[in-house]
Amino acid sequence: NLSDADLKNTDLSHANLSGADLSGADLSGAFLSCALLSKANLSDAVLSNTNLSGADLSGANLCDAKLSGANLSGANLRFASLSNAHLSGADLSEANLCDAKLSGANLSGADLSGAYLLGTRLCNANLSGANLKNAGLSRANLSGADLSGAKLYYAQLKSVNLCGADLSGANLSGANLSGADLFGANLSGAFLPL
């Protein structure tokens, strides 16, 4: 049991922490690249500026976790719970977030370029200014999400729920919006696909 542990700046790269209880732990600045954290409990954990590149976080509980500025590039977050997590400025490029729960999460300014978000729940999430270039968001639920100023060029938004979403000033050039539900969405100043 590592709940509430102080693991700041610790090198745990390639460590097997599957199913570990790290709730409330301080892992800020730690190295967890390629670590196995599937089904780990990281709720309320501090992971600011932590290197989690290539880590396996599938099915992990990251609700209310602080991941601002964290490196999650290429990480596996499939089926992970990240509701109300703080991911502002995080690097999630090429990450697998399929079927993950990110409702109410703060992803403002995050890099999600090339990320896989198929079937992901992002209701009421803050994605303002986020980079979602070439991201796969088919069947994702972005109802009520803040995507103002987001870069969505060439994103796959097929059958996406964008009801009530704020897309003001967003760049959707080349995006695939076939079957997307935009009822009540704010598209003022948005660059739409031709």
N, C-alpha and C. Protein backbone atom coordinates (compact mmCIF):
# COMPACT_ATOMS: atom_id res chain seq x y z
N ASN A 1 0.85 -1.19 0.00
CA ASN A 1 0.00 0.00 0.00
C ASN A 1 0.89 1.25 0.00
N LEU A 2 0.81 2.00 -1.11
CA LEU A 2 1.63 3.20 -1.24
C LEU A 2 0.78 4.47 -1.24
N SER A 3 -0.44 4.37 -0.68
CA SER A 3 -1.30 5.55 -0.67
C SER A 3 -0.66 6.65 0.17
N ASP A 4 -0.76 7.87 -0.33
CA ASP A 4 -0.21 9.08 0.31
C ASP A 4 1.33 9.05 0.45
N ALA A 5 2.00 8.15 -0.26
CA ALA A 5 3.47 8.07 -0.19
C ALA A 5 4.12 9.26 -0.90
N ASP A 6 5.30 9.64 -0.43
CA ASP A 6 6.07 10.71 -1.06
C ASP A 6 7.09 10.05 -1.98
N LEU A 7 6.79 10.07 -3.29
CA LEU A 7 7.66 9.44 -4.28
C LEU A 7 8.12 10.47 -5.32
N LYS A 8 8.24 11.73 -4.90
CA LYS A 8 8.68 12.81 -5.80
C LYS A 8 10.02 12.46 -6.43
N ASN A 9 10.12 12.73 -7.75
CA ASN A 9 11.37 12.57 -8.51
C ASN A 9 11.97 11.17 -8.45
N THR A 10 11.20 10.17 -8.09
CA THR A 10 11.68 8.79 -8.01
C THR A 10 11.73 8.16 -9.40
N ASP A 11 12.72 7.31 -9.67
CA ASP A 11 12.81 6.61 -10.94
C ASP A 11 12.14 5.24 -10.80
N LEU A 12 10.94 5.14 -11.36
CA LEU A 12 10.18 3.89 -11.34
C LEU A 12 9.90 3.42 -12.76
N SER A 13 10.76 3.84 -13.70
CA SER A 13 10.54 3.43 -15.08
C SER A 13 10.64 1.91 -15.20
N HIS A 14 9.75 1.33 -15.98
CA HIS A 14 9.64 -0.12 -16.21
C HIS A 14 9.19 -0.89 -14.97
N ALA A 15 8.81 -0.21 -13.89
CA ALA A 15 8.37 -0.90 -12.68
C ALA A 15 6.99 -1.54 -12.90
N ASN A 16 6.74 -2.65 -12.22
CA ASN A 16 5.42 -3.30 -12.28
C ASN A 16 4.63 -2.90 -11.05
N LEU A 17 3.69 -1.97 -11.25
CA LEU A 17 2.85 -1.47 -10.16
C LEU A 17 1.38 -1.73 -10.48
N SER A 18 1.12 -2.79 -11.26
CA SER A 18 -0.25 -3.14 -11.64
C SER A 18 -1.08 -3.39 -10.39
N GLY A 19 -2.25 -2.75 -10.33
CA GLY A 19 -3.15 -2.94 -9.20
C GLY A 19 -2.72 -2.28 -7.92
N ALA A 20 -1.61 -1.53 -7.93
CA ALA A 20 -1.09 -0.89 -6.71
C ALA A 20 -2.00 0.23 -6.24
N ASP A 21 -2.05 0.46 -4.93
CA ASP A 21 -2.81 1.58 -4.36
C ASP A 21 -1.86 2.75 -4.15
N LEU A 22 -1.93 3.71 -5.07
CA LEU A 22 -1.10 4.92 -5.02
C LEU A 22 -1.98 6.15 -4.84
N SER A 23 -3.17 5.94 -4.30
CA SER A 23 -4.10 7.06 -4.13
C SER A 23 -3.50 8.11 -3.21
N GLY A 24 -3.56 9.38 -3.67
CA GLY A 24 -3.05 10.49 -2.88
C GLY A 24 -1.54 10.59 -2.82
N ALA A 25 -0.83 9.68 -3.52
CA ALA A 25 0.63 9.70 -3.50
C ALA A 25 1.17 10.90 -4.28
N ASP A 26 2.33 11.39 -3.88
CA ASP A 26 2.98 12.49 -4.59
C ASP A 26 4.08 11.90 -5.47
N LEU A 27 3.79 11.84 -6.78
CA LEU A 27 4.72 11.31 -7.76
C LEU A 27 5.18 12.41 -8.71
N SER A 28 5.10 13.66 -8.25
CA SER A 28 5.47 14.78 -9.13
C SER A 28 6.94 14.67 -9.53
N GLY A 29 7.19 14.84 -10.83
CA GLY A 29 8.54 14.79 -11.35
C GLY A 29 9.14 13.39 -11.41
N ALA A 30 8.35 12.36 -11.10
CA ALA A 30 8.85 10.99 -11.11
C ALA A 30 8.99 10.46 -12.53
N PHE A 31 9.82 9.43 -12.70
CA PHE A 31 10.02 8.78 -13.99
C PHE A 31 9.29 7.44 -13.95
N LEU A 32 8.19 7.37 -14.70
CA LEU A 32 7.39 6.14 -14.76
C LEU A 32 7.22 5.69 -16.20
N SER A 33 8.19 6.05 -17.06
CA SER A 33 8.08 5.67 -18.47
C SER A 33 8.09 4.14 -18.59
N CYS A 34 7.17 3.64 -19.41
CA CYS A 34 7.01 2.20 -19.68
C CYS A 34 6.66 1.40 -18.42
N ALA A 35 6.20 2.06 -17.36
CA ALA A 35 5.80 1.34 -16.15
C ALA A 35 4.46 0.65 -16.36
N LEU A 36 4.26 -0.46 -15.65
CA LEU A 36 2.99 -1.20 -15.71
C LEU A 36 2.13 -0.74 -14.53
N LEU A 37 1.07 0.02 -14.86
CA LEU A 37 0.18 0.58 -13.84
C LEU A 37 -1.28 0.22 -14.13
N SER A 38 -1.49 -0.88 -14.86
CA SER A 38 -2.86 -1.25 -15.19
C SER A 38 -3.65 -1.54 -13.92
N LYS A 39 -4.87 -1.00 -13.88
CA LYS A 39 -5.80 -1.15 -12.75
C LYS A 39 -5.25 -0.60 -11.44
N ALA A 40 -4.23 0.26 -11.51
CA ALA A 40 -3.69 0.89 -10.30
C ALA A 40 -4.65 1.99 -9.83
N ASN A 41 -4.66 2.26 -8.53
CA ASN A 41 -5.48 3.34 -7.98
C ASN A 41 -4.59 4.55 -7.77
N LEU A 42 -4.76 5.54 -8.67
CA LEU A 42 -3.98 6.78 -8.60
C LEU A 42 -4.91 7.97 -8.37
N SER A 43 -6.08 7.71 -7.79
CA SER A 43 -7.02 8.80 -7.54
C SER A 43 -6.41 9.80 -6.57
N ASP A 44 -6.61 11.07 -6.87
CA ASP A 44 -6.07 12.18 -6.05
C ASP A 44 -4.54 12.22 -6.00
N ALA A 45 -3.86 11.43 -6.81
CA ALA A 45 -2.40 11.43 -6.82
C ALA A 45 -1.87 12.69 -7.50
N VAL A 46 -0.68 13.12 -7.09
CA VAL A 46 -0.02 14.28 -7.70
C VAL A 46 1.01 13.74 -8.68
N LEU A 47 0.75 13.95 -9.98
CA LEU A 47 1.62 13.45 -11.04
C LEU A 47 2.06 14.59 -11.96
N SER A 48 2.13 15.79 -11.42
CA SER A 48 2.53 16.96 -12.21
C SER A 48 3.95 16.80 -12.71
N ASN A 49 4.14 17.06 -14.02
CA ASN A 49 5.45 16.95 -14.68
C ASN A 49 6.08 15.58 -14.55
N THR A 50 5.25 14.54 -14.37
CA THR A 50 5.73 13.17 -14.28
C THR A 50 5.88 12.58 -15.68
N ASN A 51 6.92 11.78 -15.90
CA ASN A 51 7.12 11.12 -17.19
C ASN A 51 6.46 9.75 -17.16
N LEU A 52 5.31 9.65 -17.86
CA LEU A 52 4.56 8.40 -17.97
C LEU A 52 4.51 7.94 -19.42
N SER A 53 5.49 8.38 -20.22
CA SER A 53 5.47 8.02 -21.64
C SER A 53 5.55 6.51 -21.81
N GLY A 54 4.66 5.98 -22.65
CA GLY A 54 4.64 4.55 -22.92
C GLY A 54 4.17 3.69 -21.77
N ALA A 55 3.68 4.29 -20.70
CA ALA A 55 3.22 3.53 -19.54
C ALA A 55 1.88 2.84 -19.83
N ASP A 56 1.64 1.70 -19.18
CA ASP A 56 0.37 0.99 -19.30
C ASP A 56 -0.50 1.37 -18.10
N LEU A 57 -1.49 2.23 -18.37
CA LEU A 57 -2.42 2.69 -17.34
C LEU A 57 -3.83 2.21 -17.66
N SER A 58 -3.94 1.11 -18.41
CA SER A 58 -5.26 0.62 -18.80
C SER A 58 -6.08 0.24 -17.57
N GLY A 59 -7.32 0.74 -17.54
CA GLY A 59 -8.22 0.44 -16.43
C GLY A 59 -7.84 1.09 -15.11
N ALA A 60 -6.85 1.99 -15.12
CA ALA A 60 -6.40 2.65 -13.89
C ALA A 60 -7.41 3.71 -13.43
N ASN A 61 -7.43 3.95 -12.13
CA ASN A 61 -8.29 4.99 -11.55
C ASN A 61 -7.43 6.24 -11.32
N LEU A 62 -7.67 7.27 -12.16
CA LEU A 62 -6.94 8.53 -12.07
C LEU A 62 -7.90 9.68 -11.80
N CYS A 63 -9.06 9.38 -11.20
CA CYS A 63 -10.04 10.42 -10.90
C CYS A 63 -9.43 11.46 -9.98
N ASP A 64 -9.63 12.72 -10.32
CA ASP A 64 -9.14 13.86 -9.53
C ASP A 64 -7.61 13.92 -9.42
N ALA A 65 -6.90 13.15 -10.24
CA ALA A 65 -5.43 13.18 -10.21
C ALA A 65 -4.92 14.48 -10.82
N LYS A 66 -3.77 14.94 -10.34
CA LYS A 66 -3.15 16.18 -10.85
C LYS A 66 -2.03 15.79 -11.79
N LEU A 67 -2.31 15.94 -13.12
CA LEU A 67 -1.37 15.52 -14.15
C LEU A 67 -0.93 16.68 -15.03
N SER A 68 -1.00 17.89 -14.52
CA SER A 68 -0.61 19.06 -15.31
C SER A 68 0.85 18.95 -15.75
N GLY A 69 1.08 19.14 -17.06
CA GLY A 69 2.43 19.09 -17.59
C GLY A 69 3.04 17.71 -17.66
N ALA A 70 2.25 16.67 -17.38
CA ALA A 70 2.77 15.30 -17.42
C ALA A 70 3.00 14.83 -18.85
N ASN A 71 3.97 13.93 -19.02
CA ASN A 71 4.25 13.35 -20.33
C ASN A 71 3.60 11.97 -20.38
N LEU A 72 2.50 11.87 -21.13
CA LEU A 72 1.77 10.62 -21.30
C LEU A 72 1.78 10.19 -22.76
N SER A 73 2.77 10.66 -23.50
CA SER A 73 2.83 10.34 -24.93
C SER A 73 2.96 8.83 -25.12
N GLY A 74 2.12 8.29 -26.00
CA GLY A 74 2.15 6.86 -26.29
C GLY A 74 1.67 5.97 -25.16
N ALA A 75 1.12 6.55 -24.10
CA ALA A 75 0.65 5.76 -22.95
C ALA A 75 -0.65 5.04 -23.30
N ASN A 76 -0.89 3.89 -22.65
CA ASN A 76 -2.13 3.14 -22.81
C ASN A 76 -3.05 3.48 -21.64
N LEU A 77 -4.10 4.27 -21.94
CA LEU A 77 -5.07 4.67 -20.92
C LEU A 77 -6.45 4.11 -21.25
N ARG A 78 -6.48 3.03 -21.99
CA ARG A 78 -7.74 2.42 -22.40
C ARG A 78 -8.55 2.02 -21.17
N PHE A 79 -9.83 2.39 -21.16
CA PHE A 79 -10.76 2.10 -20.06
C PHE A 79 -10.36 2.74 -18.72
N ALA A 80 -9.42 3.68 -18.74
CA ALA A 80 -9.02 4.36 -17.50
C ALA A 80 -10.08 5.38 -17.09
N SER A 81 -10.17 5.64 -15.79
CA SER A 81 -11.10 6.64 -15.26
C SER A 81 -10.31 7.89 -14.89
N LEU A 82 -10.57 8.98 -15.63
CA LEU A 82 -9.85 10.24 -15.41
C LEU A 82 -10.84 11.37 -15.15
N SER A 83 -12.01 11.05 -14.61
CA SER A 83 -13.00 12.08 -14.35
C SER A 83 -12.45 13.15 -13.43
N ASN A 84 -12.66 14.40 -13.81
CA ASN A 84 -12.21 15.57 -13.04
C ASN A 84 -10.69 15.62 -12.82
N ALA A 85 -9.93 14.92 -13.66
CA ALA A 85 -8.47 14.97 -13.56
C ALA A 85 -7.96 16.29 -14.14
N HIS A 86 -6.82 16.74 -13.64
CA HIS A 86 -6.19 17.98 -14.11
C HIS A 86 -5.05 17.62 -15.06
N LEU A 87 -5.30 17.83 -16.37
CA LEU A 87 -4.33 17.46 -17.39
C LEU A 87 -3.92 18.66 -18.24
N SER A 88 -4.04 19.85 -17.70
CA SER A 88 -3.70 21.05 -18.49
C SER A 88 -2.23 21.02 -18.88
N GLY A 89 -1.98 21.26 -20.18
CA GLY A 89 -0.62 21.28 -20.69
C GLY A 89 0.06 19.93 -20.75
N ALA A 90 -0.70 18.85 -20.53
CA ALA A 90 -0.11 17.50 -20.58
C ALA A 90 0.13 17.06 -22.01
N ASP A 91 1.12 16.19 -22.21
CA ASP A 91 1.43 15.63 -23.52
C ASP A 91 0.80 14.24 -23.61
N LEU A 92 -0.30 14.15 -24.38
CA LEU A 92 -1.01 12.89 -24.59
C LEU A 92 -0.93 12.48 -26.06
N SER A 93 0.08 12.98 -26.76
CA SER A 93 0.20 12.66 -28.18
C SER A 93 0.35 11.15 -28.38
N GLU A 94 -0.38 10.63 -29.37
CA GLU A 94 -0.35 9.20 -29.72
C GLU A 94 -0.80 8.29 -28.57
N ALA A 95 -1.40 8.84 -27.53
CA ALA A 95 -1.87 8.02 -26.41
C ALA A 95 -3.16 7.29 -26.79
N ASN A 96 -3.38 6.13 -26.19
CA ASN A 96 -4.60 5.35 -26.41
C ASN A 96 -5.56 5.62 -25.25
N LEU A 97 -6.62 6.40 -25.55
CA LEU A 97 -7.62 6.76 -24.54
C LEU A 97 -8.98 6.18 -24.91
N CYS A 98 -8.99 5.12 -25.72
CA CYS A 98 -10.25 4.53 -26.16
C CYS A 98 -11.07 4.07 -24.96
N ASP A 99 -12.36 4.44 -24.99
CA ASP A 99 -13.32 4.07 -23.94
C ASP A 99 -12.94 4.55 -22.54
N ALA A 100 -12.05 5.54 -22.46
CA ALA A 100 -11.69 6.12 -21.16
C ALA A 100 -12.77 7.11 -20.73
N LYS A 101 -12.83 7.38 -19.42
CA LYS A 101 -13.80 8.32 -18.87
C LYS A 101 -13.06 9.58 -18.43
N LEU A 102 -13.33 10.70 -19.15
CA LEU A 102 -12.66 11.97 -18.86
C LEU A 102 -13.68 13.07 -18.60
N SER A 103 -14.86 12.71 -18.14
CA SER A 103 -15.89 13.71 -17.89
C SER A 103 -15.41 14.72 -16.86
N GLY A 104 -15.56 16.00 -17.19
CA GLY A 104 -15.17 17.08 -16.28
C GLY A 104 -13.67 17.28 -16.15
N ALA A 105 -12.88 16.58 -16.95
CA ALA A 105 -11.42 16.71 -16.87
C ALA A 105 -10.96 18.03 -17.48
N ASN A 106 -9.85 18.57 -16.97
CA ASN A 106 -9.27 19.79 -17.50
C ASN A 106 -8.09 19.42 -18.40
N LEU A 107 -8.31 19.55 -19.73
CA LEU A 107 -7.29 19.23 -20.73
C LEU A 107 -6.92 20.49 -21.51
N SER A 108 -7.09 21.65 -20.89
CA SER A 108 -6.81 22.90 -21.60
C SER A 108 -5.33 22.96 -21.99
N GLY A 109 -5.09 23.27 -23.26
CA GLY A 109 -3.73 23.38 -23.76
C GLY A 109 -2.98 22.07 -23.87
N ALA A 110 -3.68 20.95 -23.68
CA ALA A 110 -3.02 19.64 -23.75
C ALA A 110 -2.74 19.26 -25.21
N ASP A 111 -1.71 18.43 -25.42
CA ASP A 111 -1.37 17.93 -26.74
C ASP A 111 -1.93 16.53 -26.89
N LEU A 112 -3.02 16.42 -27.69
CA LEU A 112 -3.66 15.13 -27.96
C LEU A 112 -3.52 14.78 -29.44
N SER A 113 -2.49 15.32 -30.09
CA SER A 113 -2.32 15.07 -31.52
C SER A 113 -2.09 13.58 -31.77
N GLY A 114 -2.84 13.04 -32.71
CA GLY A 114 -2.71 11.63 -33.05
C GLY A 114 -3.19 10.66 -31.99
N ALA A 115 -3.86 11.17 -30.95
CA ALA A 115 -4.36 10.30 -29.88
C ALA A 115 -5.58 9.51 -30.34
N TYR A 116 -5.79 8.36 -29.73
CA TYR A 116 -6.93 7.50 -30.03
C TYR A 116 -7.96 7.67 -28.92
N LEU A 117 -9.12 8.26 -29.29
CA LEU A 117 -10.16 8.58 -28.31
C LEU A 117 -11.50 7.98 -28.72
N LEU A 118 -11.50 6.82 -29.37
CA LEU A 118 -12.72 6.20 -29.83
C LEU A 118 -13.61 5.80 -28.66
N GLY A 119 -14.84 6.29 -28.67
CA GLY A 119 -15.79 5.95 -27.61
C GLY A 119 -15.48 6.57 -26.26
N THR A 120 -14.56 7.53 -26.23
CA THR A 120 -14.16 8.16 -24.97
C THR A 120 -15.22 9.13 -24.48
N ARG A 121 -15.45 9.18 -23.18
CA ARG A 121 -16.41 10.09 -22.57
C ARG A 121 -15.70 11.35 -22.09
N LEU A 122 -16.01 12.47 -22.76
CA LEU A 122 -15.40 13.76 -22.45
C LEU A 122 -16.47 14.80 -22.15
N CYS A 123 -17.60 14.38 -21.59
CA CYS A 123 -18.69 15.30 -21.28
C CYS A 123 -18.19 16.40 -20.35
N ASN A 124 -18.52 17.64 -20.70
CA ASN A 124 -18.17 18.81 -19.88
C ASN A 124 -16.68 18.94 -19.60
N ALA A 125 -15.85 18.31 -20.42
CA ALA A 125 -14.40 18.45 -20.26
C ALA A 125 -13.93 19.78 -20.82
N ASN A 126 -12.82 20.30 -20.29
CA ASN A 126 -12.23 21.54 -20.78
C ASN A 126 -11.07 21.20 -21.71
N LEU A 127 -11.32 21.40 -23.02
CA LEU A 127 -10.30 21.13 -24.04
C LEU A 127 -9.95 22.42 -24.76
N SER A 128 -10.14 23.56 -24.10
CA SER A 128 -9.87 24.84 -24.74
C SER A 128 -8.38 24.95 -25.10
N GLY A 129 -8.14 25.30 -26.36
CA GLY A 129 -6.77 25.46 -26.83
C GLY A 129 -6.00 24.16 -26.98
N ALA A 130 -6.67 23.02 -26.83
CA ALA A 130 -5.99 21.74 -26.95
C ALA A 130 -5.65 21.41 -28.40
N ASN A 131 -4.59 20.64 -28.61
CA ASN A 131 -4.18 20.22 -29.94
C ASN A 131 -4.69 18.80 -30.17
N LEU A 132 -5.72 18.67 -31.04
CA LEU A 132 -6.31 17.38 -31.37
C LEU A 132 -6.11 17.04 -32.85
N LYS A 133 -5.03 17.56 -33.42
CA LYS A 133 -4.73 17.32 -34.84
C LYS A 133 -4.58 15.82 -35.08
N ASN A 134 -5.30 15.33 -36.11
CA ASN A 134 -5.26 13.91 -36.50
C ASN A 134 -5.72 12.95 -35.41
N ALA A 135 -6.41 13.45 -34.39
CA ALA A 135 -6.90 12.57 -33.33
C ALA A 135 -8.12 11.78 -33.82
N GLY A 136 -8.24 10.57 -33.34
CA GLY A 136 -9.39 9.73 -33.68
C GLY A 136 -10.41 9.80 -32.56
N LEU A 137 -11.54 10.49 -32.82
CA LEU A 137 -12.56 10.70 -31.79
C LEU A 137 -13.90 10.07 -32.14
N SER A 138 -13.92 9.15 -33.10
CA SER A 138 -15.18 8.55 -33.53
C SER A 138 -15.96 7.99 -32.33
N ARG A 139 -17.26 8.28 -32.32
CA ARG A 139 -18.20 7.83 -31.29
C ARG A 139 -17.90 8.38 -29.89
N ALA A 140 -17.03 9.39 -29.79
CA ALA A 140 -16.73 9.99 -28.48
C ALA A 140 -17.90 10.88 -28.05
N ASN A 141 -18.05 11.05 -26.75
CA ASN A 141 -19.10 11.92 -26.21
C ASN A 141 -18.45 13.19 -25.68
N LEU A 142 -18.63 14.29 -26.43
CA LEU A 142 -18.07 15.59 -26.08
C LEU A 142 -19.19 16.58 -25.76
N SER A 143 -20.33 16.08 -25.32
CA SER A 143 -21.45 16.97 -25.03
C SER A 143 -21.07 17.94 -23.91
N GLY A 144 -21.33 19.21 -24.15
CA GLY A 144 -21.05 20.24 -23.16
C GLY A 144 -19.57 20.55 -22.97
N ALA A 145 -18.72 19.97 -23.81
CA ALA A 145 -17.27 20.19 -23.67
C ALA A 145 -16.87 21.57 -24.19
N ASP A 146 -15.81 22.12 -23.61
CA ASP A 146 -15.26 23.41 -24.05
C ASP A 146 -14.09 23.12 -24.99
N LEU A 147 -14.34 23.32 -26.30
CA LEU A 147 -13.33 23.11 -27.32
C LEU A 147 -12.96 24.43 -27.98
N SER A 148 -13.19 25.52 -27.27
CA SER A 148 -12.90 26.84 -27.84
C SER A 148 -11.43 26.97 -28.16
N GLY A 149 -11.15 27.40 -29.40
CA GLY A 149 -9.77 27.58 -29.82
C GLY A 149 -8.98 26.30 -30.01
N ALA A 150 -9.66 25.16 -29.95
CA ALA A 150 -8.96 23.87 -30.11
C ALA A 150 -8.55 23.64 -31.56
N LYS A 151 -7.45 22.93 -31.74
CA LYS A 151 -6.97 22.58 -33.08
C LYS A 151 -7.45 21.17 -33.39
N LEU A 152 -8.47 21.07 -34.26
CA LEU A 152 -9.06 19.79 -34.60
C LEU A 152 -8.86 19.45 -36.07
N TYR A 153 -7.83 20.02 -36.70
CA TYR A 153 -7.68 19.76 -38.12
C TYR A 153 -7.32 18.31 -38.38
N TYR A 154 -8.04 17.78 -39.39
CA TYR A 154 -7.93 16.39 -39.83
C TYR A 154 -8.30 15.38 -38.73
N ALA A 155 -9.03 15.84 -37.71
CA ALA A 155 -9.49 14.93 -36.67
C ALA A 155 -10.65 14.09 -37.19
N GLN A 156 -10.75 12.86 -36.71
CA GLN A 156 -11.86 11.97 -37.07
C GLN A 156 -12.95 12.16 -36.02
N LEU A 157 -14.03 12.86 -36.41
CA LEU A 157 -15.13 13.17 -35.50
C LEU A 157 -16.41 12.48 -35.95
N LYS A 158 -16.27 11.32 -36.55
CA LYS A 158 -17.42 10.58 -37.08
C LYS A 158 -18.32 10.11 -35.95
N SER A 159 -19.63 10.43 -36.08
CA SER A 159 -20.65 10.03 -35.09
C SER A 159 -20.33 10.51 -33.68
N VAL A 160 -19.68 11.66 -33.56
CA VAL A 160 -19.34 12.23 -32.26
C VAL A 160 -20.52 13.04 -31.72
N ASN A 161 -20.72 12.99 -30.40
CA ASN A 161 -21.75 13.79 -29.75
C ASN A 161 -21.12 15.11 -29.31
N LEU A 162 -21.48 16.19 -30.02
CA LEU A 162 -20.97 17.53 -29.69
C LEU A 162 -22.11 18.44 -29.26
N CYS A 163 -23.20 17.87 -28.75
CA CYS A 163 -24.35 18.65 -28.32
C CYS A 163 -23.94 19.65 -27.24
N GLY A 164 -24.26 20.92 -27.47
CA GLY A 164 -23.98 21.95 -26.49
C GLY A 164 -22.51 22.24 -26.28
N ALA A 165 -21.65 21.69 -27.15
CA ALA A 165 -20.20 21.93 -27.01
C ALA A 165 -19.84 23.34 -27.50
N ASP A 166 -18.80 23.91 -26.93
CA ASP A 166 -18.31 25.22 -27.34
C ASP A 166 -17.14 25.02 -28.29
N LEU A 167 -17.39 25.26 -29.58
CA LEU A 167 -16.36 25.11 -30.61
C LEU A 167 -15.98 26.47 -31.18
N SER A 168 -16.26 27.53 -30.43
CA SER A 168 -15.95 28.87 -30.93
C SER A 168 -14.46 29.03 -31.17
N GLY A 169 -14.12 29.50 -32.36
CA GLY A 169 -12.72 29.72 -32.72
C GLY A 169 -11.92 28.46 -32.93
N ALA A 170 -12.57 27.28 -32.92
CA ALA A 170 -11.86 26.02 -33.14
C ALA A 170 -11.53 25.85 -34.61
N ASN A 171 -10.43 25.18 -34.90
CA ASN A 171 -10.03 24.92 -36.28
C ASN A 171 -10.36 23.47 -36.62
N LEU A 172 -11.40 23.31 -37.48
CA LEU A 172 -11.87 21.98 -37.88
C LEU A 172 -11.53 21.70 -39.35
N SER A 173 -10.55 22.39 -39.90
CA SER A 173 -10.17 22.20 -41.30
C SER A 173 -9.81 20.74 -41.55
N GLY A 174 -10.43 20.16 -42.57
CA GLY A 174 -10.12 18.78 -42.95
C GLY A 174 -10.67 17.73 -42.01
N ALA A 175 -11.41 18.14 -40.98
CA ALA A 175 -11.96 17.17 -40.03
C ALA A 175 -13.13 16.42 -40.65
N ASN A 176 -13.33 15.17 -40.22
CA ASN A 176 -14.44 14.35 -40.68
C ASN A 176 -15.55 14.43 -39.64
N LEU A 177 -16.64 15.14 -40.00
CA LEU A 177 -17.76 15.33 -39.07
C LEU A 177 -18.99 14.54 -39.49
N SER A 178 -18.82 13.52 -40.33
CA SER A 178 -19.99 12.77 -40.80
C SER A 178 -20.72 12.08 -39.64
N GLY A 179 -22.01 12.32 -39.57
CA GLY A 179 -22.83 11.72 -38.52
C GLY A 179 -22.68 12.36 -37.16
N ALA A 180 -21.90 13.45 -37.06
CA ALA A 180 -21.70 14.13 -35.77
C ALA A 180 -22.95 14.88 -35.36
N ASP A 181 -23.27 14.90 -34.07
CA ASP A 181 -24.42 15.63 -33.55
C ASP A 181 -23.94 16.95 -32.98
N LEU A 182 -24.28 18.05 -33.68
CA LEU A 182 -23.84 19.39 -33.29
C LEU A 182 -24.99 20.22 -32.74
N PHE A 183 -26.07 19.58 -32.27
CA PHE A 183 -27.23 20.30 -31.76
C PHE A 183 -26.83 21.21 -30.60
N GLY A 184 -27.11 22.50 -30.72
CA GLY A 184 -26.84 23.46 -29.66
C GLY A 184 -25.38 23.82 -29.49
N ALA A 185 -24.53 23.36 -30.42
CA ALA A 185 -23.10 23.67 -30.32
C ALA A 185 -22.83 25.10 -30.75
N ASN A 186 -21.83 25.73 -30.13
CA ASN A 186 -21.43 27.09 -30.47
C ASN A 186 -20.29 27.00 -31.48
N LEU A 187 -20.58 27.41 -32.73
CA LEU A 187 -19.58 27.33 -33.80
C LEU A 187 -19.12 28.71 -34.25
N SER A 188 -19.35 29.74 -33.44
CA SER A 188 -18.98 31.08 -33.85
C SER A 188 -17.47 31.21 -34.02
N GLY A 189 -17.08 31.70 -35.19
CA GLY A 189 -15.66 31.90 -35.49
C GLY A 189 -14.88 30.63 -35.72
N ALA A 190 -15.57 29.49 -35.81
CA ALA A 190 -14.87 28.22 -36.04
C ALA A 190 -14.53 28.06 -37.51
N PHE A 191 -13.40 27.42 -37.80
CA PHE A 191 -13.00 27.11 -39.17
C PHE A 191 -13.52 25.70 -39.46
N LEU A 192 -14.55 25.64 -40.33
CA LEU A 192 -15.19 24.37 -40.62
C LEU A 192 -14.63 23.70 -41.87
N PRO A 193 -14.73 22.35 -41.95
CA PRO A 193 -14.24 21.65 -43.14
C PRO A 193 -15.05 22.05 -44.35
N LEU A 194 -14.43 22.09 -45.52
CA LEU A 194 -15.12 22.45 -46.75
C LEU A 194 -15.87 21.26 -47.30
